[in-house]
Amino acid sequence: MVRTIYGEFRRPRQMLGIQEYEGHLSIHDDKMAEDLGFSGAPIEGPTHFSQFVPLLYRVFGNSWFERGCISAHYQNMVTEGEEVRAFVDAVADGAPITRIGAEKRDGTSVLVGTASVGPDYGKTEIQQRLARLRPPDQLVILRDLAVGQKGAGNPEAVGMDFGQHMGQQYPFSLQEKLAVITEPHSYYTESDNPWGKPIIPLEMISVLVEYTTQASGFKTRGPAIGLFAGQEIRLIKGPLFVNHPYQLEREIIALSESRRTESKWVKTRVYDQQTHELVAEVILNSATLKDSYANYREDAEALGKSLA
C-alpha cells in the first residue's frame, strides 16, 4: 500500500495582477480572466511548486536541491484566497521517482505529476504527455512556429538578485516573493547551507527562465491570451544560485492542439555562464486560448482548417 505524505493547506498569493505580455494584460488580470469565462484571475502554476519542497526534501534529502525534477500537468486554476495543499507518495529506499499532486480544500485537483532525482529521472509526467501527442491538423495562432525552431536570442544572459525587478511579465523581485512565499527556507536567504550561498527557490526558476523569453523570436498571431498548461523543472547540476550568471538556450520541441487551445512546448537549457556546464532544463507547455484571438475563425477558414 502506497503511503502518501501531505503538506499543510496554504493560501498562495497572486503576484501577477499587473502582468503584461506582448503589450497586453494577461489571464492573471481579474477582468481579462472573467471576460474569458473564468471565475477569477488564476495564481501562476509554478507558485504551487514551493509547497512540494519540504515534502520532497523528506523523501530525497539534499539530493532534491541538486538533481531534483518536478514535472506537472496543471488541471484547475487557483484564485487568491483559496487553500491548497501538496502531497507526495512516499518511495521505497533507492526509488528515483514518485507521484505528486495538489488539491484545494474541497478536493478539487490543482495539478498532478511526478517528482524524481537524477541522473535517472524516470518517466516524468511531461515526458509521458509528450509521447502521447498527436501532430496538430492546422495551427492558426501558432502557424508561424516549427518543431526544432531555436530561440533567436540564443544564448540569453540571465541572473536573479534579491532586489532585481523581473520585468513586465513578472512585476516583482525575489525579495518580494520571499516575503509571501508559502514555504520559507533559510537556504533561500543565507549562505550557511551545503553550497555556501543562497539558492533560487524552485518556483522562481520558472521566473528566471521566462525573464528573457521575449528574445526568443517565437512569434504567434494575436493578441491572444495564454496560460501554463504543464511544466517540468529538472536540476542537473544544481542548485541555481542568487546573483549568479546563467545563459539560456531555447528550442520548440512540440506543437499541439486541443479543442480550446493551441500549445507550444519549449525546452530551455540553463548553462552556468562561468563553467559552461548544463545545470538545468525546463520544459513549458504554454497553451493559447483560441477564443481569445479575435481573428481565429476568419484565419482558420482562410487556411482551410475544419472548424467542425
C-alpha atoms as a PDB file:
ATOM      1  CA  MET A   1       0.000   0.000   0.000  1.00  0.00           C
ATOM      2  CA  VAL A   2       1.358   3.422  -1.010  1.00  0.00           C
ATOM      3  CA  ARG A   3       1.815   5.874   1.851  1.00  0.00           C
ATOM      4  CA  THR A   4       1.075   9.499   0.964  1.00  0.00           C
ATOM      5  CA  ILE A   5       2.703  12.445   2.722  1.00  0.00           C
ATOM      6  CA  TYR A   6       0.542  15.577   2.952  1.00  0.00           C
ATOM      7  CA  GLY A   7       1.594  19.170   3.466  1.00  0.00           C
ATOM      8  CA  GLU A   8      -0.394  21.874   5.210  1.00  0.00           C
ATOM      9  CA  PHE A   9      -3.102  23.881   3.477  1.00  0.00           C
ATOM     10  CA  ARG A  10      -1.707  27.240   2.315  1.00  0.00           C
ATOM     11  CA  ARG A  11      -3.144  30.346   0.656  1.00  0.00           C
ATOM     12  CA  PRO A  12      -0.717  31.207  -2.170  1.00  0.00           C
ATOM     13  CA  ARG A  13      -0.516  34.868  -3.147  1.00  0.00           C
ATOM     14  CA  GLN A  14      -1.360  36.379  -6.525  1.00  0.00           C
ATOM     15  CA  MET A  15       1.577  38.485  -7.754  1.00  0.00           C
ATOM     16  CA  LEU A  16       0.755  38.813 -11.461  1.00  0.00           C
ATOM     17  CA  GLY A  17      -2.289  41.097 -11.369  1.00  0.00           C
ATOM     18  CA  ILE A  18      -0.498  43.748 -13.454  1.00  0.00           C
ATOM     19  CA  GLN A  19       1.468  41.326 -15.626  1.00  0.00           C
ATOM     20  CA  GLU A  20       1.876  42.406 -19.248  1.00  0.00           C
ATOM     21  CA  TYR A  21       2.677  40.049 -22.083  1.00  0.00           C
ATOM     22  CA  GLU A  22       3.395  41.322 -25.600  1.00  0.00           C
ATOM     23  CA  GLY A  23       1.817  44.662 -24.740  1.00  0.00           C
ATOM     24  CA  HIS A  24      -1.454  43.470 -23.212  1.00  0.00           C
ATOM     25  CA  LEU A  25      -2.689  42.267 -19.839  1.00  0.00           C
ATOM     26  CA  SER A  26      -2.618  38.540 -19.160  1.00  0.00           C
ATOM     27  CA  ILE A  27      -5.091  35.993 -17.835  1.00  0.00           C
ATOM     28  CA  HIS A  28      -3.851  36.927 -14.346  1.00  0.00           C
ATOM     29  CA  ASP A  29      -5.832  40.187 -14.612  1.00  0.00           C
ATOM     30  CA  ASP A  30      -9.272  39.793 -12.974  1.00  0.00           C
ATOM     31  CA  LYS A  31     -11.285  41.401 -15.766  1.00  0.00           C
ATOM     32  CA  MET A  32      -9.392  39.579 -18.505  1.00  0.00           C
ATOM     33  CA  ALA A  33      -9.976  36.243 -16.760  1.00  0.00           C
ATOM     34  CA  GLU A  34     -13.684  36.966 -16.263  1.00  0.00           C
ATOM     35  CA  ASP A  35     -14.091  38.028 -19.910  1.00  0.00           C
ATOM     36  CA  LEU A  36     -12.730  34.600 -20.901  1.00  0.00           C
ATOM     37  CA  GLY A  37     -15.242  32.819 -18.688  1.00  0.00           C
ATOM     38  CA  PHE A  38     -13.082  32.069 -15.643  1.00  0.00           C
ATOM     39  CA  SER A  39     -14.201  32.694 -12.067  1.00  0.00           C
ATOM     40  CA  GLY A  40     -11.222  34.941 -11.362  1.00  0.00           C
ATOM     41  CA  ALA A  41      -7.594  35.600 -12.155  1.00  0.00           C
ATOM     42  CA  PRO A  42      -5.522  32.457 -11.546  1.00  0.00           C
ATOM     43  CA  ILE A  43      -2.362  32.247  -9.492  1.00  0.00           C
ATOM     44  CA  GLU A  44       0.537  31.186 -11.699  1.00  0.00           C
ATOM     45  CA  GLY A  45       1.027  27.408 -11.688  1.00  0.00           C
ATOM     46  CA  PRO A  46       4.665  27.161 -10.525  1.00  0.00           C
ATOM     47  CA  THR A  47       3.731  29.129  -7.386  1.00  0.00           C
ATOM     48  CA  HIS A  48       2.458  25.794  -6.067  1.00  0.00           C
ATOM     49  CA  PHE A  49       5.850  24.129  -6.519  1.00  0.00           C
ATOM     50  CA  SER A  50       7.129  25.680  -3.282  1.00  0.00           C
ATOM     51  CA  GLN A  51       4.678  23.597  -1.267  1.00  0.00           C
ATOM     52  CA  PHE A  52       6.320  20.406  -2.523  1.00  0.00           C
ATOM     53  CA  VAL A  53       9.840  21.333  -1.440  1.00  0.00           C
ATOM     54  CA  PRO A  54       9.572  20.336   2.276  1.00  0.00           C
ATOM     55  CA  LEU A  55       7.886  17.062   1.317  1.00  0.00           C
ATOM     56  CA  LEU A  56      10.431  16.202  -1.375  1.00  0.00           C
ATOM     57  CA  TYR A  57      13.275  17.064   0.998  1.00  0.00           C
ATOM     58  CA  ARG A  58      11.829  14.436   3.361  1.00  0.00           C
ATOM     59  CA  VAL A  59      11.782  11.898   0.524  1.00  0.00           C
ATOM     60  CA  PHE A  60      15.075  12.658  -1.247  1.00  0.00           C
ATOM     61  CA  GLY A  61      17.174  14.796   1.127  1.00  0.00           C
ATOM     62  CA  ASN A  62      19.614  17.418  -0.195  1.00  0.00           C
ATOM     63  CA  SER A  63      19.803  15.493  -3.481  1.00  0.00           C
ATOM     64  CA  TRP A  64      16.476  17.125  -4.281  1.00  0.00           C
ATOM     65  CA  PHE A  65      18.102  20.579  -4.408  1.00  0.00           C
ATOM     66  CA  GLU A  66      20.917  19.310  -6.632  1.00  0.00           C
ATOM     67  CA  ARG A  67      19.288  16.822  -9.040  1.00  0.00           C
ATOM     68  CA  GLY A  68      15.568  17.136  -8.399  1.00  0.00           C
ATOM     69  CA  CYS A  69      12.935  17.149 -11.142  1.00  0.00           C
ATOM     70  CA  ILE A  70       9.327  18.270 -10.711  1.00  0.00           C
ATOM     71  CA  SER A  71       7.050  17.550 -13.659  1.00  0.00           C
ATOM     72  CA  ALA A  72       3.427  18.701 -13.519  1.00  0.00           C
ATOM     73  CA  HIS A  73       0.249  18.975 -15.556  1.00  0.00           C
ATOM     74  CA  TYR A  74      -1.969  21.795 -14.313  1.00  0.00           C
ATOM     75  CA  GLN A  75      -5.616  20.737 -14.009  1.00  0.00           C
ATOM     76  CA  ASN A  76      -7.592  23.513 -12.307  1.00  0.00           C
ATOM     77  CA  MET A  77      -6.857  27.160 -11.576  1.00  0.00           C
ATOM     78  CA  VAL A  78      -6.468  28.602  -8.088  1.00  0.00           C
ATOM     79  CA  THR A  79      -7.519  32.150  -7.243  1.00  0.00           C
ATOM     80  CA  GLU A  80      -6.200  34.200  -4.326  1.00  0.00           C
ATOM     81  CA  GLY A  81      -7.811  33.217  -1.040  1.00  0.00           C
ATOM     82  CA  GLU A  82      -8.295  29.569  -1.963  1.00  0.00           C
ATOM     83  CA  GLU A  83      -6.447  26.989   0.095  1.00  0.00           C
ATOM     84  CA  VAL A  84      -4.173  24.396  -1.479  1.00  0.00           C
ATOM     85  CA  ARG A  85      -2.157  21.510  -0.106  1.00  0.00           C
ATOM     86  CA  ALA A  86       0.519  19.421  -1.769  1.00  0.00           C
ATOM     87  CA  PHE A  87       1.010  15.688  -1.375  1.00  0.00           C
ATOM     88  CA  VAL A  88       3.714  13.205  -2.339  1.00  0.00           C
ATOM     89  CA  ASP A  89       3.715   9.425  -2.418  1.00  0.00           C
ATOM     90  CA  ALA A  90       6.492   8.000  -0.285  1.00  0.00           C
ATOM     91  CA  VAL A  91       9.019   5.836  -2.134  1.00  0.00           C
ATOM     92  CA  ALA A  92      10.937   2.696  -1.292  1.00  0.00           C
ATOM     93  CA  ASP A  93      14.615   3.172  -0.494  1.00  0.00           C
ATOM     94  CA  GLY A  94      16.526   3.984  -3.653  1.00  0.00           C
ATOM     95  CA  ALA A  95      13.478   4.570  -5.871  1.00  0.00           C
ATOM     96  CA  PRO A  96      14.168   7.588  -8.128  1.00  0.00           C
ATOM     97  CA  ILE A  97      10.598   8.735  -8.922  1.00  0.00           C
ATOM     98  CA  THR A  98       7.249   9.217  -7.217  1.00  0.00           C
ATOM     99  CA  ARG A  99       3.786  10.628  -7.895  1.00  0.00           C
ATOM    100  CA  ILE A 100       2.766  14.067  -6.641  1.00  0.00           C
ATOM    101  CA  GLY A 101      -0.383  16.164  -6.593  1.00  0.00           C
ATOM    102  CA  ALA A 102      -2.019  19.270  -5.179  1.00  0.00           C
ATOM    103  CA  GLU A 103      -5.635  19.836  -4.237  1.00  0.00           C
ATOM    104  CA  LYS A 104      -7.987  22.502  -2.921  1.00  0.00           C
ATOM    105  CA  ARG A 105      -9.817  22.269   0.394  1.00  0.00           C
ATOM    106  CA  ASP A 106     -12.859  20.749  -1.379  1.00  0.00           C
ATOM    107  CA  GLY A 107     -10.725  18.069  -3.041  1.00  0.00           C
ATOM    108  CA  THR A 108     -10.542  19.696  -6.488  1.00  0.00           C
ATOM    109  CA  SER A 109      -7.298  18.674  -8.183  1.00  0.00           C
ATOM    110  CA  VAL A 110      -4.913  21.569  -8.900  1.00  0.00           C
ATOM    111  CA  LEU A 111      -2.133  19.554 -10.535  1.00  0.00           C
ATOM    112  CA  VAL A 112      -0.849  16.027 -10.988  1.00  0.00           C
ATOM    113  CA  GLY A 113       2.662  14.943 -11.765  1.00  0.00           C
ATOM    114  CA  THR A 114       5.891  13.261 -10.792  1.00  0.00           C
ATOM    115  CA  ALA A 115       8.984  14.116  -8.798  1.00  0.00           C
ATOM    116  CA  SER A 116      12.307  12.387  -9.175  1.00  0.00           C
ATOM    117  CA  VAL A 117      16.054  12.718  -8.734  1.00  0.00           C
ATOM    118  CA  GLY A 118      18.725  12.159 -11.358  1.00  0.00           C
ATOM    119  CA  PRO A 119      20.708  11.031 -13.086  1.00  0.00           C
ATOM    120  CA  ASP A 120      17.888   8.587 -13.978  1.00  0.00           C
ATOM    121  CA  TYR A 121      14.804  10.790 -13.686  1.00  0.00           C
ATOM    122  CA  GLY A 122      12.389   8.099 -14.833  1.00  0.00           C
ATOM    123  CA  LYS A 123       9.301   8.599 -16.992  1.00  0.00           C
ATOM    124  CA  THR A 124       8.221  12.040 -15.888  1.00  0.00           C
ATOM    125  CA  GLU A 125       4.702  13.443 -16.241  1.00  0.00           C
ATOM    126  CA  ILE A 126       5.660  15.800 -19.061  1.00  0.00           C
ATOM    127  CA  GLN A 127       7.681  13.134 -20.893  1.00  0.00           C
ATOM    128  CA  GLN A 128       4.671  10.809 -20.789  1.00  0.00           C
ATOM    129  CA  ARG A 129       2.379  13.514 -22.153  1.00  0.00           C
ATOM    130  CA  LEU A 130       4.810  14.435 -24.920  1.00  0.00           C
ATOM    131  CA  ALA A 131       4.912  10.787 -26.003  1.00  0.00           C
ATOM    132  CA  ARG A 132       1.099  10.753 -26.389  1.00  0.00           C
ATOM    133  CA  LEU A 133       0.813  13.916 -28.503  1.00  0.00           C
ATOM    134  CA  ARG A 134      -0.670  13.750 -31.987  1.00  0.00           C
ATOM    135  CA  PRO A 135       0.544  16.113 -34.716  1.00  0.00           C
ATOM    136  CA  PRO A 136      -1.848  19.088 -34.976  1.00  0.00           C
ATOM    137  CA  ASP A 137      -4.004  19.385 -38.103  1.00  0.00           C
ATOM    138  CA  GLN A 138      -3.623  23.076 -38.963  1.00  0.00           C
ATOM    139  CA  LEU A 139      -2.486  25.548 -36.338  1.00  0.00           C
ATOM    140  CA  VAL A 140      -3.809  29.085 -36.602  1.00  0.00           C
ATOM    141  CA  ILE A 141      -2.367  31.152 -33.761  1.00  0.00           C
ATOM    142  CA  LEU A 142       0.916  29.200 -33.788  1.00  0.00           C
ATOM    143  CA  ARG A 143       1.108  28.727 -37.567  1.00  0.00           C
ATOM    144  CA  ASP A 144       4.452  30.556 -37.839  1.00  0.00           C
ATOM    145  CA  LEU A 145       6.261  28.221 -35.424  1.00  0.00           C
ATOM    146  CA  ALA A 146       8.003  24.918 -36.154  1.00  0.00           C
ATOM    147  CA  VAL A 147       9.237  21.973 -34.101  1.00  0.00           C
ATOM    148  CA  GLY A 148      13.015  22.229 -33.797  1.00  0.00           C
ATOM    149  CA  GLN A 149      12.972  26.031 -34.031  1.00  0.00           C
ATOM    150  CA  LYS A 150      15.710  27.563 -31.854  1.00  0.00           C
ATOM    151  CA  GLY A 151      15.429  30.786 -29.907  1.00  0.00           C
ATOM    152  CA  ALA A 152      16.553  33.834 -31.875  1.00  0.00           C
ATOM    153  CA  GLY A 153      18.288  35.187 -28.780  1.00  0.00           C
ATOM    154  CA  ASN A 154      20.332  32.043 -28.007  1.00  0.00           C
ATOM    155  CA  PRO A 155      22.220  32.306 -25.754  1.00  0.00           C
ATOM    156  CA  GLU A 156      20.299  34.683 -23.480  1.00  0.00           C
ATOM    157  CA  ALA A 157      22.162  36.042 -20.441  1.00  0.00           C
ATOM    158  CA  VAL A 158      20.141  35.994 -17.204  1.00  0.00           C
ATOM    159  CA  GLY A 159      20.561  36.242 -13.463  1.00  0.00           C
ATOM    160  CA  MET A 160      18.472  36.948 -10.382  1.00  0.00           C
ATOM    161  CA  ASP A 161      19.434  39.175  -7.467  1.00  0.00           C
ATOM    162  CA  PHE A 162      17.300  39.759  -4.382  1.00  0.00           C
ATOM    163  CA  GLY A 163      16.179  43.261  -5.315  1.00  0.00           C
ATOM    164  CA  GLN A 164      16.038  42.799  -9.092  1.00  0.00           C
ATOM    165  CA  HIS A 165      12.668  43.608 -10.669  1.00  0.00           C
ATOM    166  CA  MET A 166      11.883  40.745 -13.042  1.00  0.00           C
ATOM    167  CA  GLY A 167      10.144  42.802 -15.752  1.00  0.00           C
ATOM    168  CA  GLN A 168       6.630  43.298 -17.091  1.00  0.00           C
ATOM    169  CA  GLN A 169       5.934  39.562 -17.176  1.00  0.00           C
ATOM    170  CA  TYR A 170       6.967  39.176 -13.533  1.00  0.00           C
ATOM    171  CA  PRO A 171       6.418  42.571 -11.880  1.00  0.00           C
ATOM    172  CA  PHE A 172       8.132  41.756  -8.585  1.00  0.00           C
ATOM    173  CA  SER A 173      11.545  40.875  -7.162  1.00  0.00           C
ATOM    174  CA  LEU A 174      12.874  37.772  -5.442  1.00  0.00           C
ATOM    175  CA  GLN A 175      12.851  39.709  -2.193  1.00  0.00           C
ATOM    176  CA  GLU A 176       9.144  40.488  -2.635  1.00  0.00           C
ATOM    177  CA  LYS A 177       8.400  36.857  -3.440  1.00  0.00           C
ATOM    178  CA  LEU A 178      10.263  35.628  -0.366  1.00  0.00           C
ATOM    179  CA  ALA A 179       8.124  37.905   1.807  1.00  0.00           C
ATOM    180  CA  VAL A 180       4.987  35.929   0.847  1.00  0.00           C
ATOM    181  CA  ILE A 181       6.308  32.529  -0.280  1.00  0.00           C
ATOM    182  CA  THR A 182       4.208  29.669   1.104  1.00  0.00           C
ATOM    183  CA  GLU A 183       7.215  27.716   2.398  1.00  0.00           C
ATOM    184  CA  PRO A 184      10.129  29.892   3.631  1.00  0.00           C
ATOM    185  CA  HIS A 185      13.553  28.261   3.912  1.00  0.00           C
ATOM    186  CA  SER A 186      16.897  29.527   5.154  1.00  0.00           C
ATOM    187  CA  TYR A 187      18.563  28.100   2.026  1.00  0.00           C
ATOM    188  CA  TYR A 188      16.904  30.901   0.028  1.00  0.00           C
ATOM    189  CA  THR A 189      18.378  33.769   2.037  1.00  0.00           C
ATOM    190  CA  GLU A 190      21.522  32.587   3.830  1.00  0.00           C
ATOM    191  CA  SER A 191      24.950  31.281   2.862  1.00  0.00           C
ATOM    192  CA  ASP A 192      25.001  28.837   5.781  1.00  0.00           C
ATOM    193  CA  ASN A 193      23.883  25.877   3.690  1.00  0.00           C
ATOM    194  CA  PRO A 194      25.623  22.941   1.961  1.00  0.00           C
ATOM    195  CA  TRP A 195      26.514  25.101  -1.079  1.00  0.00           C
ATOM    196  CA  GLY A 196      27.759  28.233   0.662  1.00  0.00           C
ATOM    197  CA  LYS A 197      25.392  30.765  -0.955  1.00  0.00           C
ATOM    198  CA  PRO A 198      21.637  31.449  -1.248  1.00  0.00           C
ATOM    199  CA  ILE A 199      19.751  29.331  -3.766  1.00  0.00           C
ATOM    200  CA  ILE A 200      16.903  30.307  -6.082  1.00  0.00           C
ATOM    201  CA  PRO A 201      13.579  28.789  -4.911  1.00  0.00           C
ATOM    202  CA  LEU A 202      12.092  26.146  -7.198  1.00  0.00           C
ATOM    203  CA  GLU A 203       9.130  28.288  -8.265  1.00  0.00           C
ATOM    204  CA  MET A 204      11.447  31.213  -9.112  1.00  0.00           C
ATOM    205  CA  ILE A 205      13.459  29.079 -11.549  1.00  0.00           C
ATOM    206  CA  SER A 206      10.415  29.435 -13.796  1.00  0.00           C
ATOM    207  CA  VAL A 207      10.653  33.227 -13.455  1.00  0.00           C
ATOM    208  CA  LEU A 208      14.391  33.180 -14.228  1.00  0.00           C
ATOM    209  CA  VAL A 209      13.823  31.142 -17.381  1.00  0.00           C
ATOM    210  CA  GLU A 210      10.913  33.276 -18.618  1.00  0.00           C
ATOM    211  CA  TYR A 211      12.624  36.597 -17.813  1.00  0.00           C
ATOM    212  CA  THR A 212      14.056  36.997 -21.326  1.00  0.00           C
ATOM    213  CA  THR A 213      11.515  34.937 -23.260  1.00  0.00           C
ATOM    214  CA  GLN A 214      10.657  37.913 -25.468  1.00  0.00           C
ATOM    215  CA  ALA A 215      14.100  37.490 -27.067  1.00  0.00           C
ATOM    216  CA  SER A 216      13.188  34.015 -28.322  1.00  0.00           C
ATOM    217  CA  GLY A 217      11.523  35.230 -31.512  1.00  0.00           C
ATOM    218  CA  PHE A 218       8.741  32.643 -31.117  1.00  0.00           C
ATOM    219  CA  LYS A 219       6.122  34.961 -32.580  1.00  0.00           C
ATOM    220  CA  THR A 220       2.459  33.987 -32.595  1.00  0.00           C
ATOM    221  CA  ARG A 221      -0.697  35.552 -34.043  1.00  0.00           C
ATOM    222  CA  GLY A 222      -2.530  37.827 -31.678  1.00  0.00           C
ATOM    223  CA  PRO A 223      -3.261  39.477 -29.441  1.00  0.00           C
ATOM    224  CA  ALA A 224      -4.260  36.283 -27.681  1.00  0.00           C
ATOM    225  CA  ILE A 225      -4.189  35.030 -24.102  1.00  0.00           C
ATOM    226  CA  GLY A 226      -2.055  32.132 -22.958  1.00  0.00           C
ATOM    227  CA  LEU A 227      -1.651  30.087 -19.799  1.00  0.00           C
ATOM    228  CA  PHE A 228       0.708  27.472 -18.402  1.00  0.00           C
ATOM    229  CA  ALA A 229      -0.748  24.001 -19.040  1.00  0.00           C
ATOM    230  CA  GLY A 230       2.232  21.963 -17.878  1.00  0.00           C
ATOM    231  CA  GLN A 231       5.804  22.388 -16.730  1.00  0.00           C
ATOM    232  CA  GLU A 232       8.917  20.451 -15.855  1.00  0.00           C
ATOM    233  CA  ILE A 233      11.898  21.834 -13.956  1.00  0.00           C
ATOM    234  CA  ARG A 234      14.880  19.493 -13.953  1.00  0.00           C
ATOM    235  CA  LEU A 235      18.029  20.241 -11.971  1.00  0.00           C
ATOM    236  CA  ILE A 236      21.062  18.530 -13.469  1.00  0.00           C
ATOM    237  CA  LYS A 237      23.868  20.187 -11.541  1.00  0.00           C
ATOM    238  CA  GLY A 238      22.022  22.332  -9.034  1.00  0.00           C
ATOM    239  CA  PRO A 239      21.073  24.228  -7.155  1.00  0.00           C
ATOM    240  CA  LEU A 240      20.805  27.519  -9.061  1.00  0.00           C
ATOM    241  CA  PHE A 241      22.180  30.457  -7.114  1.00  0.00           C
ATOM    242  CA  VAL A 242      21.088  34.003  -6.416  1.00  0.00           C
ATOM    243  CA  ASN A 243      23.276  36.659  -8.083  1.00  0.00           C
ATOM    244  CA  HIS A 244      24.982  34.164 -10.388  1.00  0.00           C
ATOM    245  CA  PRO A 245      25.229  34.481 -14.195  1.00  0.00           C
ATOM    246  CA  TYR A 246      23.469  31.935 -16.426  1.00  0.00           C
ATOM    247  CA  GLN A 247      22.811  31.518 -20.139  1.00  0.00           C
ATOM    248  CA  LEU A 248      19.634  30.145 -21.706  1.00  0.00           C
ATOM    249  CA  GLU A 249      19.086  28.301 -24.963  1.00  0.00           C
ATOM    250  CA  ARG A 250      15.521  27.659 -26.154  1.00  0.00           C
ATOM    251  CA  GLU A 251      14.023  25.155 -28.578  1.00  0.00           C
ATOM    252  CA  ILE A 252      10.455  24.275 -29.578  1.00  0.00           C
ATOM    253  CA  ILE A 253      10.198  20.514 -29.021  1.00  0.00           C
ATOM    254  CA  ALA A 254       6.479  20.038 -29.834  1.00  0.00           C
ATOM    255  CA  LEU A 255       3.351  21.792 -31.075  1.00  0.00           C
ATOM    256  CA  SER A 256      -0.118  20.525 -30.209  1.00  0.00           C
ATOM    257  CA  GLU A 257      -3.798  21.379 -30.182  1.00  0.00           C
ATOM    258  CA  SER A 258      -6.912  20.716 -28.109  1.00  0.00           C
ATOM    259  CA  ARG A 259     -10.497  21.820 -28.613  1.00  0.00           C
ATOM    260  CA  ARG A 260      -9.897  25.112 -26.795  1.00  0.00           C
ATOM    261  CA  THR A 261      -6.155  25.739 -27.134  1.00  0.00           C
ATOM    262  CA  GLU A 262      -3.049  25.653 -29.284  1.00  0.00           C
ATOM    263  CA  SER A 263       0.164  24.804 -27.430  1.00  0.00           C
ATOM    264  CA  LYS A 264       3.869  25.210 -27.891  1.00  0.00           C
ATOM    265  CA  TRP A 265       6.222  23.059 -25.844  1.00  0.00           C
ATOM    266  CA  VAL A 266       9.530  24.839 -25.287  1.00  0.00           C
ATOM    267  CA  LYS A 267      12.625  23.317 -23.718  1.00  0.00           C
ATOM    268  CA  THR A 268      15.010  25.830 -22.172  1.00  0.00           C
ATOM    269  CA  ARG A 269      18.504  24.673 -21.295  1.00  0.00           C
ATOM    270  CA  VAL A 270      20.231  26.578 -18.498  1.00  0.00           C
ATOM    271  CA  TYR A 271      24.023  26.842 -18.593  1.00  0.00           C
ATOM    272  CA  ASP A 272      26.366  28.203 -15.936  1.00  0.00           C
ATOM    273  CA  GLN A 273      27.928  31.209 -17.667  1.00  0.00           C
ATOM    274  CA  GLN A 274      31.197  30.743 -15.804  1.00  0.00           C
ATOM    275  CA  THR A 275      31.730  26.996 -16.258  1.00  0.00           C
ATOM    276  CA  HIS A 276      29.581  26.498 -19.408  1.00  0.00           C
ATOM    277  CA  GLU A 277      28.082  23.385 -17.797  1.00  0.00           C
ATOM    278  CA  LEU A 278      24.442  22.419 -18.339  1.00  0.00           C
ATOM    279  CA  VAL A 279      22.890  22.874 -14.891  1.00  0.00           C
ATOM    280  CA  ALA A 280      19.133  22.667 -15.514  1.00  0.00           C
ATOM    281  CA  GLU A 281      16.417  22.149 -18.122  1.00  0.00           C
ATOM    282  CA  VAL A 282      12.867  23.499 -18.128  1.00  0.00           C
ATOM    283  CA  ILE A 283      10.003  22.356 -20.357  1.00  0.00           C
ATOM    284  CA  LEU A 284       6.975  24.630 -20.565  1.00  0.00           C
ATOM    285  CA  ASN A 285       3.680  23.753 -22.246  1.00  0.00           C
ATOM    286  CA  SER A 286       2.242  27.187 -22.961  1.00  0.00           C
ATOM    287  CA  ALA A 287      -1.370  26.964 -24.176  1.00  0.00           C
ATOM    288  CA  THR A 288      -3.060  29.822 -26.049  1.00  0.00           C
ATOM    289  CA  LEU A 289      -6.842  30.113 -25.818  1.00  0.00           C
ATOM    290  CA  LYS A 290      -8.439  30.048 -29.274  1.00  0.00           C
ATOM    291  CA  ASP A 291     -11.405  32.125 -28.112  1.00  0.00           C
ATOM    292  CA  SER A 292      -9.067  34.928 -27.010  1.00  0.00           C
ATOM    293  CA  TYR A 293      -7.880  35.547 -30.591  1.00  0.00           C
ATOM    294  CA  ALA A 294     -10.456  37.741 -32.340  1.00  0.00           C
ATOM    295  CA  ASN A 295      -9.496  36.615 -35.855  1.00  0.00           C
ATOM    296  CA  TYR A 296      -9.354  32.897 -35.101  1.00  0.00           C
ATOM    297  CA  ARG A 297     -12.368  31.795 -37.169  1.00  0.00           C
ATOM    298  CA  GLU A 298     -11.528  34.065 -40.090  1.00  0.00           C
ATOM    299  CA  ASP A 299      -7.905  32.927 -40.211  1.00  0.00           C
ATOM    300  CA  ALA A 300      -8.855  29.275 -39.789  1.00  0.00           C
ATOM    301  CA  GLU A 301     -11.233  29.388 -42.730  1.00  0.00           C
ATOM    302  CA  ALA A 302      -8.595  31.127 -44.886  1.00  0.00           C
ATOM    303  CA  LEU A 303      -6.165  28.308 -44.032  1.00  0.00           C
ATOM    304  CA  GLY A 304      -8.740  25.662 -44.899  1.00  0.00           C
ATOM    305  CA  LYS A 305      -8.949  24.378 -41.334  1.00  0.00           C
ATOM    306  CA  SER A 306     -12.071  22.414 -40.420  1.00  0.00           C
ATOM    307  CA  LEU A 307     -13.991  24.018 -37.537  1.00  0.00           C
ATOM    308  CA  ALA A 308     -16.456  21.161 -37.162  1.00  0.00           C
END
